[in-house]
Amino acid sequence: MKRSFCCALLLIPAAFFVFAPRAAAQNPCEALAKLKLTGATISSATLVPAGTFKPPTFPGAPPFPYALPAFCRVQGVATPTTDSNIRFEVWLPASNWNGKFNQVGNGGFAGSIPLTAMAAPLIRGYATAGTDDGHEAFFTDASWAVGHPEKLIDFAYRAVHETSVQAKAIISAFYGKEPADSYFVGCSDGGREALMEAQRYPNDFIGIVAGAPANSWTRLLATAVWVEQAVRNDTGSVLSPAKLSVLQKAAVASCDKLDGVPDDILENPNLCHFDPVVVQCKSGDGPDCLTAAQVRAAKKIYQGPRNPRTHKQVFPGYAPGTEAIPINWPVWLTGGPNPQQLPLAWLFGNSFFGNIIFNDPHWDFRTLNFDSHIKLADENAGFIGCENPNLTPFKARGGKLIQFHGWGDAAIPPQSSIDYFKSVQARMKGGTAGFYRLFMVPGLSHCSDGIGATEFGQAPSPTADPAHDYLSALDRWVKDGIAPDSFIATGTVPGDPAKTKMTHLLCPYPQVARYKGSGDIHDAASFVCRASRH
């Protein structure tokens, strides 16, 4: 796919400000309501006292987990086209600003401003911002795109860029100076947004964290339909949570020994060539085996979609070893105990092809052709993806990129991150170690949770340790030139009712954590980063 890339950061002239900011002096929050922006308007600017912020909620939603410090809450709308309505918020610490900016990403098809994600950087002293990507809807719903090509472009890349431009202008007006460094952190669709920024707008952010990026959008959602066909087209192929437990137990038993550590976690599932036929029932059905139809469905999920004409891989399949974890295959791919609750991947795939590709809300997933329809999707919506391996402009301006992906991800096949990383390595002269590192996380589900030691990330602490926290590691890489050679994830020992704490070493791909031969297997200190055997 050919794409045009813009590398110039749009600067807002001081003449557009109603008030002239004093050098390095903070202005009143309420005055920002009168700030004139190019291509955007501010609807409100309110000083929020410490501990009082409560975001909008809905029945069944978890309580907001943070007590926020006092901050200036700026709400605005960007309108780069006549059909654009990009809502955004910028939060500005009322005191103790660290001089930096951290924009956060969305999930799914977006549709709301990620307020919870904005909390952690604010607590750490960052000015922060987020956007709804130009529409209001539930995150699995793409019906807003029907008849609105400009809104689809806003979702694809324009909304995040516009928000960064407007946020920096607001930050400059409030504090009297520009942020010293600007970072972007996102996972899932936010990971896609992160890579999109590095590729299309390399001057927006000096540091980027891309978690489990959905960067091959059309192929990913084709994979969702592939899984739905595998599970629903074949009579008796439904994989219940009980059957998934049989599958996961067999996969782990078959492959756990390959990493030399019997811990019920697969360090590198790529080494695992598990064939579910080993748990196929000898006759009929039973609680400890899979029917032939269920084995066929599992094989298709592991395999991923293939072009029926060329037999080439359309997109990677899913890794073995975490199938039965409730937030994995049951939520995303096969369905849980409640048959009325469809797997999220099915909802995404049907909404994408039904609304964006075929403009038919009644489109039937059974009709998807993995040859001609994939080509059609790439032609009509390929610009949502960000697979360009040329990160030369981002590298040249000193940009740093940390990417991570969980091996237990049941939303976005983890191999897709490895494939993109390898494509960048092949394209870039001089290698990637100086500016781009990928970390594959054993047991990690989609962006968070999972099995074993999977907790690391953007902790809400100004003194977070770079060894455990990717934002701190990114900041140190940008400021001091110290690249992250590893992370230490924390969690609990799998299957232990006492929930004993454990740590694990995360290594930059293609290295993996190798056991030293002695010491506690649930202690990161017992491991060292070494090249994978695969």
Protein backbone atom coordinates (compact mmCIF):
# COMPACT_ATOMS: atom_id res chain seq x y z
CA MET A 1 0.00 0.00 0.00
CA LYS A 2 1.24 3.44 -0.87
CA ARG A 3 0.86 6.11 1.75
CA SER A 4 1.84 9.76 1.99
CA PHE A 5 3.69 10.72 5.12
CA CYS A 6 3.77 14.10 6.76
CA CYS A 7 6.79 14.83 8.92
CA ALA A 8 6.20 18.48 9.75
CA LEU A 9 4.76 19.37 13.14
CA LEU A 10 2.06 22.02 12.85
CA LEU A 11 3.04 24.93 15.05
CA ILE A 12 0.43 27.29 16.48
CA PRO A 13 1.56 30.92 16.18
CA ALA A 14 1.48 32.97 19.37
CA ALA A 15 -0.69 35.52 17.60
CA PHE A 16 -3.65 33.17 17.89
CA PHE A 17 -3.59 33.33 21.70
CA VAL A 18 -6.01 35.70 23.43
CA PHE A 19 -3.40 36.27 26.14
CA ALA A 20 0.37 36.32 25.76
CA PRO A 21 1.89 33.72 28.09
CA ARG A 22 4.64 34.93 30.37
CA ALA A 23 7.93 33.11 29.96
CA ALA A 24 7.92 29.98 32.13
CA ALA A 25 4.95 31.35 34.12
CA GLN A 26 1.70 29.50 34.71
CA ASN A 27 -1.54 31.15 33.59
CA PRO A 28 -4.97 30.76 35.21
CA CYS A 29 -6.79 27.61 34.14
CA GLU A 30 -10.07 29.37 33.37
CA ALA A 31 -8.28 31.72 30.95
CA LEU A 32 -7.70 28.76 28.61
CA ALA A 33 -11.42 28.84 27.76
CA LYS A 34 -10.65 31.93 25.66
CA LEU A 35 -7.62 30.43 23.94
CA LYS A 36 -7.92 30.58 20.16
CA LEU A 37 -6.70 27.48 18.36
CA THR A 38 -6.32 26.75 14.67
CA GLY A 39 -8.86 24.14 13.59
CA ALA A 40 -10.20 23.56 17.09
CA THR A 41 -12.23 25.18 19.85
CA ILE A 42 -12.10 24.84 23.63
CA SER A 43 -15.49 24.16 25.18
CA SER A 44 -14.41 24.38 28.82
CA ALA A 45 -11.40 24.86 31.07
CA THR A 46 -11.95 24.03 34.74
CA LEU A 47 -9.65 23.70 37.73
CA VAL A 48 -10.44 20.34 39.38
CA PRO A 49 -9.51 20.20 43.09
CA ALA A 50 -7.44 17.26 44.33
CA GLY A 51 -9.36 14.05 44.95
CA THR A 52 -12.66 15.24 43.47
CA PHE A 53 -12.58 13.98 39.88
CA LYS A 54 -15.16 11.33 39.02
CA PRO A 55 -15.49 10.40 35.34
CA PRO A 56 -18.81 9.52 33.69
CA THR A 57 -19.73 5.91 34.32
CA PHE A 58 -22.27 3.27 33.34
CA PRO A 59 -24.04 0.43 35.18
CA GLY A 60 -21.64 -2.37 36.05
CA ALA A 61 -18.52 -0.29 35.41
CA PRO A 62 -15.70 -0.62 37.97
CA PRO A 63 -15.11 2.41 40.20
CA PHE A 64 -12.51 4.93 39.10
CA PRO A 65 -9.32 3.61 40.74
CA TYR A 66 -7.40 6.83 41.31
CA ALA A 67 -7.46 9.91 43.52
CA LEU A 68 -6.09 12.59 41.21
CA PRO A 69 -4.08 15.65 42.18
CA ALA A 70 -5.44 19.08 41.37
CA PHE A 71 -5.40 19.73 37.64
CA CYS A 72 -6.71 22.00 34.92
CA ARG A 73 -9.17 20.04 32.81
CA VAL A 74 -9.46 21.34 29.26
CA GLN A 75 -12.12 19.95 26.93
CA GLY A 76 -12.16 20.74 23.23
CA VAL A 77 -13.17 19.73 19.73
CA ALA A 78 -10.98 19.65 16.63
CA THR A 79 -12.61 20.05 13.22
CA PRO A 80 -9.99 19.55 10.48
CA THR A 81 -12.79 18.79 7.97
CA THR A 82 -16.46 19.70 7.75
CA ASP A 83 -17.39 16.16 8.82
CA SER A 84 -14.88 15.96 11.66
CA ASN A 85 -15.81 16.24 15.32
CA ILE A 86 -12.76 15.11 17.27
CA ARG A 87 -13.35 15.47 21.00
CA PHE A 88 -10.26 15.67 23.15
CA GLU A 89 -9.23 16.45 26.71
CA VAL A 90 -5.99 17.87 28.05
CA TRP A 91 -5.17 17.54 31.73
CA LEU A 92 -2.57 19.92 33.18
CA PRO A 93 -1.09 19.43 36.66
CA ALA A 94 -1.90 22.47 38.78
CA SER A 95 1.49 22.08 40.46
CA ASN A 96 4.61 19.95 40.16
CA TRP A 97 4.46 19.62 36.39
CA ASN A 98 7.48 17.60 35.30
CA GLY A 99 7.79 19.63 32.10
CA LYS A 100 6.69 16.76 29.82
CA PHE A 101 3.67 15.58 27.85
CA ASN A 102 2.24 12.04 27.65
CA GLN A 103 -0.65 11.38 25.27
CA VAL A 104 -2.53 8.10 25.67
CA GLY A 105 -4.17 5.78 23.16
CA ASN A 106 -7.56 4.15 22.68
CA GLY A 107 -8.91 0.62 22.39
CA GLY A 108 -11.10 -1.08 19.78
CA PHE A 109 -12.88 1.35 17.48
CA ALA A 110 -12.44 4.04 20.18
CA GLY A 111 -15.58 6.19 20.55
CA SER A 112 -14.77 7.72 23.94
CA ILE A 113 -11.92 9.64 25.53
CA PRO A 114 -9.69 7.24 27.55
CA LEU A 115 -9.96 9.11 30.85
CA THR A 116 -8.78 6.22 33.03
CA ALA A 117 -5.60 5.88 30.97
CA MET A 118 -4.93 9.61 31.45
CA ALA A 119 -4.87 9.24 35.24
CA ALA A 120 -1.49 7.50 35.63
CA PRO A 121 0.59 10.07 33.71
CA LEU A 122 -1.20 12.95 35.47
CA ILE A 123 -0.33 11.48 38.88
CA ARG A 124 3.28 11.23 37.73
CA GLY A 125 3.39 14.93 36.89
CA TYR A 126 2.84 14.74 33.13
CA ALA A 127 0.51 16.94 31.18
CA THR A 128 -1.65 14.39 29.38
CA ALA A 129 -4.25 14.19 26.63
CA GLY A 130 -6.62 11.75 24.96
CA THR A 131 -9.24 11.75 22.21
CA ASP A 132 -12.33 9.80 21.16
CA ASP A 133 -10.83 9.50 17.64
CA GLY A 134 -13.62 11.57 16.13
CA HIS A 135 -16.84 9.75 17.03
CA GLU A 136 -18.94 8.60 19.99
CA ALA A 137 -19.85 4.91 20.07
CA PHE A 138 -19.28 1.64 21.93
CA PHE A 139 -15.77 0.35 21.29
CA THR A 140 -16.88 -2.67 19.18
CA ASP A 141 -19.21 -0.57 16.98
CA ALA A 142 -18.12 0.77 13.58
CA SER A 143 -21.55 1.86 12.33
CA TRP A 144 -20.48 5.50 12.69
CA ALA A 145 -18.20 5.05 9.66
CA VAL A 146 -21.02 4.34 7.19
CA GLY A 147 -21.19 7.27 4.78
CA HIS A 148 -18.48 9.19 6.67
CA PRO A 149 -15.11 8.70 4.97
CA GLU A 150 -13.58 11.68 6.78
CA LYS A 151 -14.51 10.20 10.15
CA LEU A 152 -12.80 6.98 9.12
CA ILE A 153 -9.64 8.97 8.34
CA ASP A 154 -9.96 10.71 11.71
CA PHE A 155 -10.08 7.31 13.39
CA ALA A 156 -7.23 5.94 11.31
CA TYR A 157 -4.66 8.62 12.04
CA ARG A 158 -5.84 12.23 11.99
CA ALA A 159 -7.49 12.45 15.43
CA VAL A 160 -4.40 11.41 17.37
CA HIS A 161 -2.21 13.81 15.42
CA GLU A 162 -4.67 16.70 15.76
CA THR A 163 -4.92 16.07 19.49
CA SER A 164 -1.15 16.18 19.87
CA VAL A 165 -0.97 19.50 18.04
CA GLN A 166 -3.78 21.12 20.04
CA ALA A 167 -2.55 19.68 23.35
CA LYS A 168 0.93 21.15 22.87
CA ALA A 169 -0.54 24.55 22.10
CA ILE A 170 -2.66 24.38 25.27
CA ILE A 171 0.29 23.23 27.37
CA SER A 172 2.40 26.10 26.05
CA ALA A 173 -0.31 28.62 26.80
CA PHE A 174 -0.86 27.35 30.34
CA TYR A 175 2.73 26.93 31.49
CA GLY A 176 4.38 29.55 29.30
CA LYS A 177 6.68 27.01 27.67
CA GLU A 178 6.51 23.97 25.45
CA PRO A 179 6.91 20.47 26.92
CA ALA A 180 10.54 19.39 27.01
CA ASP A 181 9.66 15.89 25.79
CA SER A 182 6.49 14.40 24.33
CA TYR A 183 5.56 10.74 24.70
CA PHE A 184 2.78 8.52 23.42
CA VAL A 185 1.64 5.35 25.19
CA GLY A 186 -1.05 3.02 23.88
CA CYS A 187 -2.05 -0.64 23.65
CA SER A 188 -4.27 -2.54 21.19
CA ASP A 189 -5.78 0.15 18.96
CA GLY A 190 -3.59 2.47 21.00
CA GLY A 191 -0.61 0.39 19.93
CA ARG A 192 -1.72 0.85 16.34
CA GLU A 193 -1.97 4.58 16.96
CA ALA A 194 1.53 4.50 18.45
CA LEU A 195 3.09 2.88 15.39
CA MET A 196 1.02 5.13 13.12
CA GLU A 197 2.53 8.16 14.82
CA ALA A 198 6.07 6.81 14.42
CA GLN A 199 5.46 6.14 10.73
CA ARG A 200 3.24 9.01 9.61
CA TYR A 201 4.00 11.84 12.06
CA PRO A 202 7.53 11.14 13.37
CA ASN A 203 7.91 14.64 14.80
CA ASP A 204 4.89 14.42 17.12
CA PHE A 205 6.55 12.30 19.83
CA ILE A 206 10.16 11.69 20.80
CA GLY A 207 9.26 8.53 22.74
CA ILE A 208 6.58 5.93 22.01
CA VAL A 209 5.30 2.78 23.73
CA ALA A 210 3.31 0.50 21.42
CA GLY A 211 1.58 -2.35 23.24
CA ALA A 212 0.04 -5.27 21.33
CA PRO A 213 -0.49 -3.08 18.25
CA ALA A 214 -3.39 -3.81 15.91
CA ASN A 215 -1.25 -2.44 13.09
CA SER A 216 -2.54 -4.81 10.38
CA TRP A 217 -6.16 -3.80 10.86
CA THR A 218 -7.81 -5.48 7.88
CA ARG A 219 -5.94 -8.78 8.31
CA LEU A 220 -6.56 -8.85 12.06
CA LEU A 221 -10.32 -8.45 11.66
CA ALA A 222 -10.33 -11.01 8.86
CA THR A 223 -8.75 -13.35 11.40
CA ALA A 224 -11.64 -12.64 13.76
CA VAL A 225 -14.08 -13.81 11.08
CA TRP A 226 -11.88 -16.83 10.32
CA VAL A 227 -12.18 -17.89 13.97
CA GLU A 228 -15.94 -17.32 13.97
CA GLN A 229 -16.30 -19.48 10.88
CA ALA A 230 -14.15 -22.19 12.47
CA VAL A 231 -16.25 -22.27 15.64
CA ARG A 232 -19.74 -21.74 14.17
CA ASN A 233 -19.70 -23.29 10.69
CA ASP A 234 -18.89 -26.83 11.77
CA THR A 235 -21.57 -28.73 13.68
CA GLY A 236 -20.37 -29.51 17.19
CA SER A 237 -17.24 -27.39 16.97
CA VAL A 238 -18.03 -25.02 19.83
CA LEU A 239 -15.13 -24.90 22.31
CA SER A 240 -16.59 -24.48 25.80
CA PRO A 241 -14.46 -23.28 28.72
CA ALA A 242 -14.24 -26.89 29.92
CA LYS A 243 -12.91 -28.02 26.53
CA LEU A 244 -10.43 -25.15 26.52
CA SER A 245 -9.08 -26.38 29.86
CA VAL A 246 -8.43 -29.76 28.25
CA LEU A 247 -6.69 -28.01 25.36
CA GLN A 248 -4.50 -25.75 27.50
CA LYS A 249 -3.48 -28.56 29.83
CA ALA A 250 -2.38 -30.70 26.90
CA ALA A 251 -0.50 -27.84 25.19
CA VAL A 252 1.42 -26.97 28.35
CA ALA A 253 2.18 -30.62 29.07
CA SER A 254 3.51 -30.99 25.54
CA CYS A 255 5.70 -27.87 25.48
CA ASP A 256 6.52 -26.61 28.98
CA LYS A 257 9.71 -28.66 29.04
CA LEU A 258 11.08 -26.87 25.97
CA ASP A 259 12.25 -23.83 27.97
CA GLY A 260 13.89 -25.97 30.65
CA VAL A 261 11.66 -24.69 33.46
CA PRO A 262 8.56 -26.61 34.65
CA ASP A 263 6.44 -23.60 35.58
CA ASP A 264 3.26 -24.08 33.48
CA ILE A 265 4.21 -21.04 31.36
CA LEU A 266 5.58 -21.21 27.83
CA GLU A 267 8.55 -18.84 27.53
CA ASN A 268 8.48 -19.00 23.73
CA PRO A 269 5.35 -20.62 22.28
CA ASN A 270 6.92 -20.51 18.82
CA LEU A 271 8.89 -23.56 19.88
CA CYS A 272 5.65 -25.39 20.63
CA HIS A 273 4.30 -27.44 17.74
CA PHE A 274 1.29 -28.75 19.62
CA ASP A 275 -1.28 -30.73 17.66
CA PRO A 276 -4.70 -30.85 19.37
CA VAL A 277 -5.39 -34.21 17.75
CA VAL A 278 -3.62 -35.75 20.78
CA VAL A 279 -6.71 -34.94 22.89
CA GLN A 280 -9.27 -36.05 20.32
CA CYS A 281 -11.85 -38.44 21.73
CA LYS A 282 -11.43 -42.02 20.61
CA SER A 283 -15.17 -42.24 20.07
CA GLY A 284 -18.08 -39.90 20.69
CA ASP A 285 -17.51 -37.16 23.25
CA GLY A 286 -16.25 -36.87 26.81
CA PRO A 287 -15.19 -34.37 29.48
CA ASP A 288 -11.46 -35.01 29.04
CA CYS A 289 -11.22 -34.91 25.25
CA LEU A 290 -12.27 -32.93 22.16
CA THR A 291 -14.52 -34.11 19.37
CA ALA A 292 -13.15 -34.24 15.84
CA ALA A 293 -15.05 -31.03 15.03
CA GLN A 294 -13.58 -29.25 18.05
CA VAL A 295 -10.09 -30.39 17.09
CA ARG A 296 -10.61 -28.97 13.60
CA ALA A 297 -11.73 -25.63 15.10
CA ALA A 298 -8.73 -25.48 17.45
CA LYS A 299 -6.33 -26.24 14.60
CA LYS A 300 -7.78 -23.36 12.57
CA ILE A 301 -7.40 -20.96 15.49
CA TYR A 302 -3.76 -21.93 15.98
CA GLN A 303 -3.13 -21.82 12.24
CA GLY A 304 -4.71 -18.48 11.34
CA PRO A 305 -6.40 -17.63 8.04
CA ARG A 306 -5.08 -18.93 4.74
CA ASN A 307 -5.85 -17.76 1.23
CA PRO A 308 -7.90 -20.58 -0.34
CA ARG A 309 -6.43 -19.91 -3.79
CA THR A 310 -2.75 -19.36 -3.06
CA HIS A 311 -2.66 -21.16 0.33
CA LYS A 312 -0.54 -18.29 1.67
CA GLN A 313 -0.89 -17.12 5.25
CA VAL A 314 -3.21 -14.11 5.52
CA PHE A 315 -2.35 -13.41 9.17
CA PRO A 316 -0.79 -15.39 12.04
CA GLY A 317 -2.83 -17.62 14.30
CA TYR A 318 -2.93 -17.64 18.10
CA ALA A 319 -0.27 -19.09 20.38
CA PRO A 320 -0.88 -22.15 22.59
CA GLY A 321 -0.58 -22.27 26.36
CA THR A 322 -3.22 -19.85 27.72
CA GLU A 323 -6.41 -20.98 25.97
CA ALA A 324 -8.59 -21.50 29.07
CA ILE A 325 -7.83 -18.25 30.92
CA PRO A 326 -11.29 -16.60 31.11
CA ILE A 327 -10.13 -13.28 29.60
CA ASN A 328 -8.42 -15.08 26.71
CA TRP A 329 -10.15 -17.46 24.29
CA PRO A 330 -13.52 -17.44 26.13
CA VAL A 331 -13.84 -13.65 25.96
CA TRP A 332 -12.23 -13.05 22.58
CA LEU A 333 -12.52 -16.13 20.37
CA THR A 334 -14.83 -18.94 21.46
CA GLY A 335 -17.36 -17.68 24.00
CA GLY A 336 -17.77 -18.24 27.71
CA PRO A 337 -20.46 -19.82 29.88
CA ASN A 338 -23.05 -17.25 28.75
CA PRO A 339 -24.07 -18.17 25.18
CA GLN A 340 -25.74 -14.77 24.76
CA GLN A 341 -22.40 -12.98 25.13
CA LEU A 342 -20.63 -13.16 21.79
CA PRO A 343 -16.82 -13.19 21.73
CA LEU A 344 -15.35 -9.75 21.21
CA ALA A 345 -13.40 -10.75 18.11
CA TRP A 346 -16.63 -11.76 16.39
CA LEU A 347 -18.22 -8.39 17.21
CA PHE A 348 -15.20 -6.51 15.86
CA GLY A 349 -14.96 -8.60 12.68
CA ASN A 350 -18.64 -8.37 11.82
CA SER A 351 -18.84 -4.65 12.50
CA PHE A 352 -15.73 -3.93 10.42
CA PHE A 353 -16.72 -5.93 7.35
CA GLY A 354 -20.43 -5.22 7.65
CA ASN A 355 -20.15 -1.45 8.12
CA ILE A 356 -16.82 -0.36 6.66
CA ILE A 357 -16.21 -2.81 3.81
CA PHE A 358 -19.66 -3.92 2.62
CA ASN A 359 -21.90 -1.13 3.99
CA ASP A 360 -24.37 -3.80 5.06
CA PRO A 361 -25.34 -4.08 8.75
CA HIS A 362 -26.87 -7.49 8.00
CA TRP A 363 -23.73 -8.86 6.37
CA ASP A 364 -23.24 -12.60 6.97
CA PHE A 365 -19.82 -13.62 8.32
CA ARG A 366 -20.13 -16.96 6.47
CA THR A 367 -19.74 -15.16 3.14
CA LEU A 368 -16.26 -13.74 3.73
CA ASN A 369 -13.86 -14.86 0.99
CA PHE A 370 -10.28 -14.95 2.26
CA ASP A 371 -8.94 -14.12 -1.19
CA SER A 372 -10.98 -11.48 -3.00
CA HIS A 373 -12.54 -9.92 0.10
CA ILE A 374 -9.17 -9.51 1.81
CA LYS A 375 -7.93 -7.66 -1.25
CA LEU A 376 -11.06 -5.50 -1.18
CA ALA A 377 -10.57 -4.69 2.50
CA ASP A 378 -6.93 -3.76 1.94
CA GLU A 379 -7.89 -1.47 -0.95
CA ASN A 380 -10.76 0.26 0.87
CA ALA A 381 -9.50 0.42 4.45
CA GLY A 382 -5.81 -0.46 4.38
CA PHE A 383 -4.96 3.08 5.50
CA ILE A 384 -6.26 2.19 8.98
CA GLY A 385 -3.28 -0.12 9.33
CA CYS A 386 0.32 0.96 9.84
CA GLU A 387 2.70 -1.65 8.48
CA ASN A 388 5.25 0.64 6.84
CA PRO A 389 8.69 -0.60 8.02
CA ASN A 390 10.46 2.64 7.16
CA LEU A 391 11.05 4.34 10.52
CA THR A 392 14.02 6.34 9.23
CA PRO A 393 12.49 9.81 9.91
CA PHE A 394 11.53 8.78 13.44
CA LYS A 395 14.99 7.38 14.11
CA ALA A 396 16.70 10.41 12.56
CA ARG A 397 15.00 12.86 14.91
CA GLY A 398 16.17 10.77 17.91
CA GLY A 399 12.92 8.91 18.49
CA LYS A 400 12.79 5.87 20.81
CA LEU A 401 10.22 3.09 20.50
CA ILE A 402 9.37 0.32 22.98
CA GLN A 403 6.94 -2.33 21.77
CA PHE A 404 5.54 -5.19 23.84
CA HIS A 405 3.14 -8.04 23.21
CA GLY A 406 1.84 -10.86 25.40
CA TRP A 407 2.30 -14.44 24.25
CA GLY A 408 -1.13 -15.13 25.77
CA ASP A 409 -2.90 -12.44 23.74
CA ALA A 410 -6.19 -13.80 22.37
CA ALA A 411 -7.21 -10.50 20.76
CA ILE A 412 -4.20 -9.82 18.51
CA PRO A 413 -1.96 -12.74 17.53
CA PRO A 414 1.44 -12.09 19.17
CA GLN A 415 3.35 -13.25 16.09
CA SER A 416 2.12 -10.11 14.32
CA SER A 417 4.42 -7.95 16.49
CA ILE A 418 7.39 -10.15 15.66
CA ASP A 419 6.55 -9.96 11.96
CA TYR A 420 6.45 -6.15 12.02
CA PHE A 421 9.65 -5.93 14.06
CA LYS A 422 11.44 -8.17 11.58
CA SER A 423 10.18 -6.07 8.67
CA VAL A 424 11.68 -2.95 10.27
CA GLN A 425 14.96 -4.75 10.87
CA ALA A 426 15.06 -5.78 7.22
CA ARG A 427 14.27 -2.25 6.04
CA MET A 428 16.43 -0.14 8.35
CA LYS A 429 20.13 0.22 7.74
CA GLY A 430 22.16 0.13 10.93
CA GLY A 431 19.69 -2.08 12.80
CA THR A 432 17.04 -1.24 15.37
CA ALA A 433 18.73 -1.72 18.77
CA GLY A 434 19.58 1.96 19.09
CA PHE A 435 16.00 3.19 18.84
CA TYR A 436 13.46 0.30 18.73
CA ARG A 437 13.07 -2.72 21.01
CA LEU A 438 10.39 -5.40 21.20
CA PHE A 439 9.56 -7.35 24.37
CA MET A 440 7.48 -10.53 24.19
CA VAL A 441 5.84 -11.30 27.54
CA PRO A 442 5.16 -14.96 28.49
CA GLY A 443 1.63 -15.50 29.84
CA LEU A 444 0.46 -11.92 29.25
CA SER A 445 -3.07 -11.61 27.92
CA HIS A 446 -4.30 -8.68 25.84
CA CYS A 447 -2.44 -5.62 27.20
CA SER A 448 -2.75 -6.72 30.85
CA ASP A 449 -3.40 -9.66 33.19
CA GLY A 450 -2.83 -13.28 32.24
CA ILE A 451 -0.90 -16.04 33.97
CA GLY A 452 2.36 -15.72 35.90
CA ALA A 453 4.47 -12.55 36.04
CA THR A 454 2.78 -10.16 33.63
CA GLU A 455 2.58 -6.89 35.57
CA PHE A 456 4.81 -4.13 34.26
CA GLY A 457 3.92 -0.86 32.65
CA GLN A 458 2.93 2.72 33.30
CA ALA A 459 2.67 2.70 37.08
CA PRO A 460 1.03 5.78 38.69
CA SER A 461 4.18 6.72 40.58
CA PRO A 462 6.56 9.63 39.93
CA THR A 463 9.41 7.44 41.26
CA ALA A 464 8.64 4.28 39.25
CA ASP A 465 11.62 1.99 38.61
CA PRO A 466 12.68 1.72 34.95
CA ALA A 467 13.29 -2.00 35.53
CA HIS A 468 9.55 -2.50 36.08
CA ASP A 469 7.98 0.42 34.24
CA TYR A 470 8.10 1.05 30.50
CA LEU A 471 7.34 4.79 30.71
CA SER A 472 10.24 5.33 33.11
CA ALA A 473 12.46 3.21 30.87
CA LEU A 474 11.39 5.21 27.83
CA ASP A 475 12.06 8.50 29.61
CA ARG A 476 15.54 7.34 30.64
CA TRP A 477 16.26 6.15 27.10
CA VAL A 478 15.27 9.54 25.68
CA LYS A 479 17.05 11.66 28.32
CA ASP A 480 20.15 9.61 29.11
CA GLY A 481 20.53 7.30 26.13
CA ILE A 482 20.22 4.18 28.32
CA ALA A 483 18.28 1.59 26.33
CA PRO A 484 16.12 -0.95 28.19
CA ASP A 485 18.03 -4.25 28.11
CA SER A 486 15.33 -6.02 30.12
CA PHE A 487 12.27 -5.57 32.33
CA ILE A 488 11.21 -7.42 35.45
CA ALA A 489 7.54 -8.38 35.51
CA THR A 490 5.72 -9.31 38.71
CA GLY A 491 2.77 -11.59 39.37
CA THR A 492 1.72 -14.73 41.19
CA VAL A 493 2.76 -18.35 40.73
CA PRO A 494 0.34 -20.17 38.37
CA GLY A 495 -2.01 -22.60 40.09
CA ASP A 496 -0.87 -21.62 43.58
CA PRO A 497 -3.91 -21.06 45.86
CA ALA A 498 -1.71 -18.97 48.16
CA LYS A 499 -0.97 -16.63 45.24
CA THR A 500 2.73 -16.61 46.00
CA LYS A 501 4.51 -13.62 44.46
CA MET A 502 6.88 -14.21 41.57
CA THR A 503 9.02 -12.18 39.18
CA HIS A 504 10.21 -12.93 35.68
CA LEU A 505 12.82 -11.48 33.35
CA LEU A 506 11.56 -9.95 30.10
CA CYS A 507 14.13 -9.78 27.32
CA PRO A 508 14.39 -7.81 24.07
CA TYR A 509 13.43 -9.94 21.08
CA PRO A 510 14.90 -12.23 19.80
CA GLN A 511 16.37 -12.99 23.23
CA VAL A 512 14.43 -14.96 25.83
CA ALA A 513 14.87 -15.57 29.56
CA ARG A 514 17.08 -18.64 30.06
CA TYR A 515 17.33 -20.35 33.43
CA LYS A 516 20.84 -20.19 34.91
CA GLY A 517 20.54 -23.73 36.21
CA SER A 518 20.11 -22.90 39.88
CA GLY A 519 17.93 -20.69 42.03
CA ASP A 520 14.19 -20.14 42.42
CA ILE A 521 12.44 -20.61 39.07
CA HIS A 522 9.95 -17.94 40.15
CA ASP A 523 12.65 -15.32 40.71
CA ALA A 524 13.87 -13.15 37.82
CA ALA A 525 17.38 -13.22 39.31
CA SER A 526 17.62 -16.90 38.34
CA PHE A 527 17.43 -16.03 34.65
CA VAL A 528 19.56 -14.32 32.04
CA CYS A 529 18.70 -12.97 28.60
CA ARG A 530 20.02 -15.24 25.85
CA ALA A 531 19.27 -15.94 22.20
CA SER A 532 16.24 -18.15 21.64
CA ARG A 533 16.73 -21.65 20.33
CA HIS A 534 14.19 -20.81 17.62
